Amino acid sequence: MTKKRYTKKKKKPVTDFPYEEIKTSISWFDAQSNTGWLTHDKMKKLKPAESKTKGWIFEETDDYITIFGTYSIDPDSKEIEFGEVICIPKNWV
């Protein structure tokens, strides 16, 4: 009788990726701060920083948008893990 050869079962890859990619970028304003001493002129020049973010939309509500820029698939659980996560208030966009 021939013995069957053992082959390790491959885990099913994640094919259902439910997150929308941001096609261009989202422009938004970020707070700036300075913990040192500033002159009057430097205080007058202090403005919010204009930022641009690309990635995928995790969640969007009327109040905020949550974005991630990096993801990976856990090899054991096959769950999506997120990196470079930012939650931006909509009134900053």
C-alpha atoms as a PDB file:
ATOM      1  CA  MET A   1       0.000   0.000   0.000  1.00  0.00           C
ATOM      2  CA  THR A   2       1.306   3.397  -0.964  1.00  0.00           C
ATOM      3  CA  LYS A   3       1.557   5.961   1.790  1.00  0.00           C
ATOM      4  CA  LYS A   4       0.036   9.363   1.033  1.00  0.00           C
ATOM      5  CA  ARG A   5       2.440  12.232   1.107  1.00  0.00           C
ATOM      6  CA  TYR A   6       1.649  14.910   3.710  1.00  0.00           C
ATOM      7  CA  THR A   7       1.299  18.381   2.296  1.00  0.00           C
ATOM      8  CA  LYS A   8       0.820  21.388   4.505  1.00  0.00           C
ATOM      9  CA  LYS A   9      -2.479  23.107   3.864  1.00  0.00           C
ATOM     10  CA  LYS A  10      -2.104  26.644   2.648  1.00  0.00           C
ATOM     11  CA  LYS A  11      -4.047  29.227   4.580  1.00  0.00           C
ATOM     12  CA  LYS A  12      -6.593  31.095   2.544  1.00  0.00           C
ATOM     13  CA  PRO A  13      -5.331  34.602   1.714  1.00  0.00           C
ATOM     14  CA  VAL A  14      -7.426  37.644   2.514  1.00  0.00           C
ATOM     15  CA  THR A  15      -9.075  38.612  -0.746  1.00  0.00           C
ATOM     16  CA  ASP A  16     -11.873  40.717   0.691  1.00  0.00           C
ATOM     17  CA  PHE A  17     -10.217  44.102   1.264  1.00  0.00           C
ATOM     18  CA  PRO A  18     -13.120  46.409   2.158  1.00  0.00           C
ATOM     19  CA  TYR A  19     -11.210  49.705   2.299  1.00  0.00           C
ATOM     20  CA  GLU A  20     -11.347  52.434  -0.346  1.00  0.00           C
ATOM     21  CA  GLU A  21      -8.019  53.751  -1.585  1.00  0.00           C
ATOM     22  CA  ILE A  22      -7.570  57.524  -1.629  1.00  0.00           C
ATOM     23  CA  LYS A  23      -6.886  58.246  -5.321  1.00  0.00           C
ATOM     24  CA  THR A  24      -5.104  61.594  -5.024  1.00  0.00           C
ATOM     25  CA  SER A  25      -4.619  62.864  -1.474  1.00  0.00           C
ATOM     26  CA  ILE A  26      -6.560  64.524   1.316  1.00  0.00           C
ATOM     27  CA  SER A  27      -5.421  68.032   2.202  1.00  0.00           C
ATOM     28  CA  TRP A  28      -5.953  69.102   5.786  1.00  0.00           C
ATOM     29  CA  PHE A  29      -4.663  71.573   8.351  1.00  0.00           C
ATOM     30  CA  ASP A  30      -2.714  70.399  11.377  1.00  0.00           C
ATOM     31  CA  ALA A  31      -2.054  72.292  14.593  1.00  0.00           C
ATOM     32  CA  GLN A  32       1.417  73.745  15.137  1.00  0.00           C
ATOM     33  CA  SER A  33       2.988  74.357  18.510  1.00  0.00           C
ATOM     34  CA  ASN A  34       6.170  75.692  20.022  1.00  0.00           C
ATOM     35  CA  THR A  35       7.214  75.138  23.606  1.00  0.00           C
ATOM     36  CA  GLY A  36       9.991  77.739  23.554  1.00  0.00           C
ATOM     37  CA  TRP A  37       9.950  81.531  23.718  1.00  0.00           C
ATOM     38  CA  LEU A  38       8.766  83.375  20.597  1.00  0.00           C
ATOM     39  CA  THR A  39       9.007  86.991  19.570  1.00  0.00           C
ATOM     40  CA  HIS A  40       5.923  88.940  18.541  1.00  0.00           C
ATOM     41  CA  ASP A  41       6.878  88.612  14.854  1.00  0.00           C
ATOM     42  CA  LYS A  42       7.320  84.835  15.100  1.00  0.00           C
ATOM     43  CA  MET A  43       3.956  84.537  16.873  1.00  0.00           C
ATOM     44  CA  LYS A  44       2.287  86.465  14.026  1.00  0.00           C
ATOM     45  CA  LYS A  45       3.850  84.071  11.468  1.00  0.00           C
ATOM     46  CA  LEU A  46       2.675  80.911  13.237  1.00  0.00           C
ATOM     47  CA  LYS A  47      -0.016  79.244  11.118  1.00  0.00           C
ATOM     48  CA  PRO A  48      -1.475  75.729  10.905  1.00  0.00           C
ATOM     49  CA  ALA A  49       0.539  73.336   8.750  1.00  0.00           C
ATOM     50  CA  GLU A  50      -1.086  72.204   5.513  1.00  0.00           C
ATOM     51  CA  SER A  51      -0.738  68.432   5.320  1.00  0.00           C
ATOM     52  CA  LYS A  52      -1.476  65.898   2.604  1.00  0.00           C
ATOM     53  CA  THR A  53      -2.311  62.260   3.302  1.00  0.00           C
ATOM     54  CA  LYS A  54      -2.638  59.260   0.986  1.00  0.00           C
ATOM     55  CA  GLY A  55      -3.688  55.755   1.907  1.00  0.00           C
ATOM     56  CA  TRP A  56      -6.971  53.979   2.531  1.00  0.00           C
ATOM     57  CA  ILE A  57     -10.130  55.158   4.253  1.00  0.00           C
ATOM     58  CA  PHE A  58     -10.876  53.013   7.283  1.00  0.00           C
ATOM     59  CA  GLU A  59     -13.953  54.965   8.413  1.00  0.00           C
ATOM     60  CA  GLU A  60     -15.634  58.216   7.497  1.00  0.00           C
ATOM     61  CA  THR A  61     -18.356  59.980   9.473  1.00  0.00           C
ATOM     62  CA  ASP A  62     -19.822  63.473   9.412  1.00  0.00           C
ATOM     63  CA  ASP A  63     -17.306  64.467  12.114  1.00  0.00           C
ATOM     64  CA  TYR A  64     -14.030  62.725  11.181  1.00  0.00           C
ATOM     65  CA  ILE A  65     -12.180  60.517   8.715  1.00  0.00           C
ATOM     66  CA  THR A  66      -9.850  57.703   9.813  1.00  0.00           C
ATOM     67  CA  ILE A  67      -7.099  56.790   7.350  1.00  0.00           C
ATOM     68  CA  PHE A  68      -4.258  54.273   7.314  1.00  0.00           C
ATOM     69  CA  GLY A  69      -1.191  54.357   5.094  1.00  0.00           C
ATOM     70  CA  THR A  70       0.192  50.863   5.603  1.00  0.00           C
ATOM     71  CA  TYR A  71      -1.285  47.451   6.225  1.00  0.00           C
ATOM     72  CA  SER A  72      -0.198  43.848   6.456  1.00  0.00           C
ATOM     73  CA  ILE A  73      -1.900  40.499   6.824  1.00  0.00           C
ATOM     74  CA  ASP A  74      -1.092  38.552   9.989  1.00  0.00           C
ATOM     75  CA  PRO A  75       0.199  35.172   8.790  1.00  0.00           C
ATOM     76  CA  ASP A  76      -1.460  33.231  11.613  1.00  0.00           C
ATOM     77  CA  SER A  77      -4.844  34.877  12.082  1.00  0.00           C
ATOM     78  CA  LYS A  78      -5.120  36.284   8.525  1.00  0.00           C
ATOM     79  CA  GLU A  79      -6.404  39.531  10.046  1.00  0.00           C
ATOM     80  CA  ILE A  80      -5.498  42.896   8.547  1.00  0.00           C
ATOM     81  CA  GLU A  81      -3.154  44.950  10.736  1.00  0.00           C
ATOM     82  CA  PHE A  82      -2.976  48.732  10.260  1.00  0.00           C
ATOM     83  CA  GLY A  83      -0.093  51.203  10.438  1.00  0.00           C
ATOM     84  CA  GLU A  84       0.306  54.953   9.967  1.00  0.00           C
ATOM     85  CA  VAL A  85      -3.197  55.521  11.335  1.00  0.00           C
ATOM     86  CA  ILE A  86      -4.579  59.044  11.617  1.00  0.00           C
ATOM     87  CA  CYS A  87      -8.032  60.307  12.573  1.00  0.00           C
ATOM     88  CA  ILE A  88      -8.652  63.779  11.135  1.00  0.00           C
ATOM     89  CA  PRO A  89     -11.559  65.980  12.270  1.00  0.00           C
ATOM     90  CA  LYS A  90     -13.671  66.956   9.257  1.00  0.00           C
ATOM     91  CA  ASN A  91     -13.466  70.659  10.125  1.00  0.00           C
ATOM     92  CA  TRP A  92      -9.666  70.403   9.608  1.00  0.00           C
ATOM     93  CA  VAL A  93     -10.091  69.082   6.034  1.00  0.00           C
END
